[in-house]
Amino acid sequence: MSIRHTPVTIEPFSQLLEMETKAFNLYSSYVEKLKDDELIQMFDFIRKQEKGHMEIAEKLIELVQ
């Protein structure tokens, strides 16, 4: 049984990186504006997750190129 290689375009991963970057920026703006420490911690946690997602998307783009 052979595995066929299917060409992969970079576009979906570029879109993914763009979405994750927008989410990161959104949560960053909340962290900068909020006064409640608990909310700041929650949004900062989510922001850090988005940063990780951005790094994954960047790695996927590198693999596809």
N, C-alpha and C. Protein backbone atom coordinates (compact mmCIF):
# COMPACT_ATOMS: atom_id res chain seq x y z
N MET A 1 0.85 -1.17 0.00
CA MET A 1 0.00 0.00 0.00
C MET A 1 0.90 1.24 0.00
N SER A 2 0.71 2.10 -0.97
CA SER A 2 1.54 3.30 -1.04
C SER A 2 0.76 4.51 -0.54
N ILE A 3 1.49 5.45 -0.02
CA ILE A 3 0.88 6.69 0.46
C ILE A 3 1.12 7.74 -0.61
N ARG A 4 0.04 8.30 -1.12
CA ARG A 4 0.17 9.34 -2.14
C ARG A 4 0.34 10.69 -1.47
N HIS A 5 1.24 11.44 -2.02
CA HIS A 5 1.47 12.79 -1.50
C HIS A 5 0.48 13.75 -2.17
N THR A 6 -0.28 14.44 -1.39
CA THR A 6 -1.21 15.43 -1.91
C THR A 6 -0.59 16.79 -1.74
N PRO A 7 -0.50 17.56 -2.83
CA PRO A 7 0.07 18.90 -2.69
C PRO A 7 -0.74 19.74 -1.70
N VAL A 8 -0.02 20.49 -0.89
CA VAL A 8 -0.66 21.32 0.13
C VAL A 8 -0.34 22.78 -0.19
N THR A 9 -1.37 23.60 -0.16
CA THR A 9 -1.13 25.03 -0.38
C THR A 9 -0.93 25.71 0.97
N ILE A 10 -0.25 26.82 0.92
CA ILE A 10 0.07 27.56 2.12
C ILE A 10 -1.10 28.41 2.61
N GLU A 11 -2.06 28.68 1.73
CA GLU A 11 -3.15 29.62 2.03
C GLU A 11 -3.92 29.30 3.32
N PRO A 12 -4.36 28.08 3.54
CA PRO A 12 -5.11 27.82 4.79
C PRO A 12 -4.28 28.11 6.04
N PHE A 13 -2.99 27.84 5.98
CA PHE A 13 -2.13 28.08 7.13
C PHE A 13 -1.86 29.56 7.32
N SER A 14 -1.79 30.29 6.21
CA SER A 14 -1.64 31.75 6.29
C SER A 14 -2.89 32.36 6.91
N GLN A 15 -4.05 31.85 6.51
CA GLN A 15 -5.31 32.32 7.09
C GLN A 15 -5.37 31.99 8.58
N LEU A 16 -4.93 30.80 8.93
CA LEU A 16 -4.90 30.39 10.33
C LEU A 16 -4.00 31.33 11.14
N LEU A 17 -2.82 31.63 10.62
CA LEU A 17 -1.91 32.54 11.31
C LEU A 17 -2.54 33.92 11.47
N GLU A 18 -3.22 34.38 10.44
CA GLU A 18 -3.88 35.69 10.52
C GLU A 18 -4.97 35.70 11.59
N MET A 19 -5.77 34.64 11.65
CA MET A 19 -6.83 34.57 12.66
C MET A 19 -6.25 34.52 14.07
N GLU A 20 -5.21 33.71 14.26
CA GLU A 20 -4.60 33.59 15.58
C GLU A 20 -3.94 34.91 16.00
N THR A 21 -3.35 35.61 15.05
CA THR A 21 -2.74 36.90 15.34
C THR A 21 -3.80 37.92 15.75
N LYS A 22 -4.92 37.92 15.06
CA LYS A 22 -6.01 38.83 15.42
C LYS A 22 -6.54 38.51 16.82
N ALA A 23 -6.67 37.23 17.12
CA ALA A 23 -7.14 36.84 18.45
C ALA A 23 -6.14 37.27 19.52
N PHE A 24 -4.85 37.05 19.25
CA PHE A 24 -3.81 37.47 20.19
C PHE A 24 -3.89 38.97 20.44
N ASN A 25 -4.04 39.74 19.37
CA ASN A 25 -4.12 41.20 19.50
C ASN A 25 -5.37 41.63 20.26
N LEU A 26 -6.47 40.93 20.04
CA LEU A 26 -7.71 41.23 20.74
C LEU A 26 -7.54 41.03 22.25
N TYR A 27 -7.03 39.88 22.63
CA TYR A 27 -6.84 39.60 24.06
C TYR A 27 -5.79 40.53 24.66
N SER A 28 -4.79 40.89 23.89
CA SER A 28 -3.78 41.85 24.38
C SER A 28 -4.41 43.19 24.68
N SER A 29 -5.33 43.61 23.82
CA SER A 29 -5.98 44.91 24.06
C SER A 29 -6.83 44.87 25.33
N TYR A 30 -7.45 43.72 25.61
CA TYR A 30 -8.22 43.59 26.85
C TYR A 30 -7.29 43.65 28.06
N VAL A 31 -6.17 42.95 27.99
CA VAL A 31 -5.23 42.93 29.10
C VAL A 31 -4.76 44.35 29.42
N GLU A 32 -4.54 45.15 28.39
CA GLU A 32 -4.06 46.52 28.58
C GLU A 32 -5.13 47.44 29.17
N LYS A 33 -6.42 47.13 28.91
CA LYS A 33 -7.50 48.04 29.32
C LYS A 33 -8.17 47.66 30.63
N LEU A 34 -8.12 46.39 30.98
CA LEU A 34 -8.85 45.93 32.16
C LEU A 34 -8.18 46.37 33.45
N LYS A 35 -9.00 46.48 34.47
CA LYS A 35 -8.51 46.85 35.81
C LYS A 35 -8.61 45.68 36.79
N ASP A 36 -9.50 44.76 36.53
CA ASP A 36 -9.74 43.63 37.42
C ASP A 36 -8.64 42.58 37.23
N ASP A 37 -7.90 42.30 38.31
CA ASP A 37 -6.77 41.36 38.22
C ASP A 37 -7.18 39.97 37.76
N GLU A 38 -8.32 39.50 38.22
CA GLU A 38 -8.78 38.16 37.83
C GLU A 38 -9.06 38.10 36.32
N LEU A 39 -9.71 39.14 35.80
CA LEU A 39 -9.97 39.18 34.36
C LEU A 39 -8.68 39.33 33.57
N ILE A 40 -7.77 40.12 34.08
CA ILE A 40 -6.48 40.28 33.40
C ILE A 40 -5.76 38.94 33.31
N GLN A 41 -5.76 38.19 34.40
CA GLN A 41 -5.12 36.87 34.40
C GLN A 41 -5.79 35.93 33.41
N MET A 42 -7.12 35.96 33.36
CA MET A 42 -7.85 35.09 32.45
C MET A 42 -7.53 35.43 30.99
N PHE A 43 -7.59 36.72 30.65
CA PHE A 43 -7.31 37.13 29.28
C PHE A 43 -5.84 36.92 28.92
N ASP A 44 -4.95 37.09 29.89
CA ASP A 44 -3.54 36.84 29.63
C ASP A 44 -3.29 35.36 29.37
N PHE A 45 -3.97 34.50 30.09
CA PHE A 45 -3.86 33.05 29.86
C PHE A 45 -4.30 32.70 28.45
N ILE A 46 -5.43 33.25 28.03
CA ILE A 46 -5.94 32.99 26.68
C ILE A 46 -4.98 33.57 25.65
N ARG A 47 -4.46 34.75 25.91
CA ARG A 47 -3.50 35.39 24.99
C ARG A 47 -2.27 34.51 24.80
N LYS A 48 -1.78 33.93 25.88
CA LYS A 48 -0.61 33.04 25.78
C LYS A 48 -0.94 31.80 24.94
N GLN A 49 -2.15 31.30 25.06
CA GLN A 49 -2.56 30.17 24.22
C GLN A 49 -2.57 30.57 22.75
N GLU A 50 -3.07 31.76 22.47
CA GLU A 50 -3.10 32.25 21.09
C GLU A 50 -1.69 32.39 20.54
N LYS A 51 -0.75 32.83 21.36
CA LYS A 51 0.65 32.94 20.95
C LYS A 51 1.18 31.56 20.55
N GLY A 52 0.82 30.55 21.33
CA GLY A 52 1.21 29.18 20.99
C GLY A 52 0.60 28.73 19.68
N HIS A 53 -0.64 29.10 19.45
CA HIS A 53 -1.30 28.77 18.18
C HIS A 53 -0.60 29.45 17.01
N MET A 54 -0.17 30.70 17.23
CA MET A 54 0.55 31.42 16.18
C MET A 54 1.86 30.70 15.84
N GLU A 55 2.54 30.22 16.85
CA GLU A 55 3.80 29.52 16.63
C GLU A 55 3.58 28.22 15.86
N ILE A 56 2.50 27.53 16.17
CA ILE A 56 2.16 26.30 15.45
C ILE A 56 1.86 26.61 13.99
N ALA A 57 1.08 27.66 13.75
CA ALA A 57 0.75 28.06 12.37
C ALA A 57 2.02 28.43 11.61
N GLU A 58 2.93 29.13 12.26
CA GLU A 58 4.19 29.50 11.61
C GLU A 58 4.99 28.25 11.24
N LYS A 59 5.01 27.26 12.12
CA LYS A 59 5.73 26.01 11.84
C LYS A 59 5.08 25.28 10.67
N LEU A 60 3.75 25.26 10.62
CA LEU A 60 3.05 24.62 9.51
C LEU A 60 3.40 25.30 8.19
N ILE A 61 3.45 26.61 8.21
CA ILE A 61 3.81 27.36 7.00
C ILE A 61 5.23 26.98 6.57
N GLU A 62 6.15 26.89 7.52
CA GLU A 62 7.53 26.49 7.20
C GLU A 62 7.56 25.09 6.56
N LEU A 63 6.76 24.18 7.10
CA LEU A 63 6.74 22.81 6.57
C LEU A 63 6.18 22.74 5.16
N VAL A 64 5.24 23.59 4.85
CA VAL A 64 4.57 23.56 3.55
C VAL A 64 5.43 24.24 2.48
N GLN A 65 6.21 25.21 2.88
CA GLN A 65 7.02 25.95 1.90
C GLN A 65 8.09 25.10 1.29
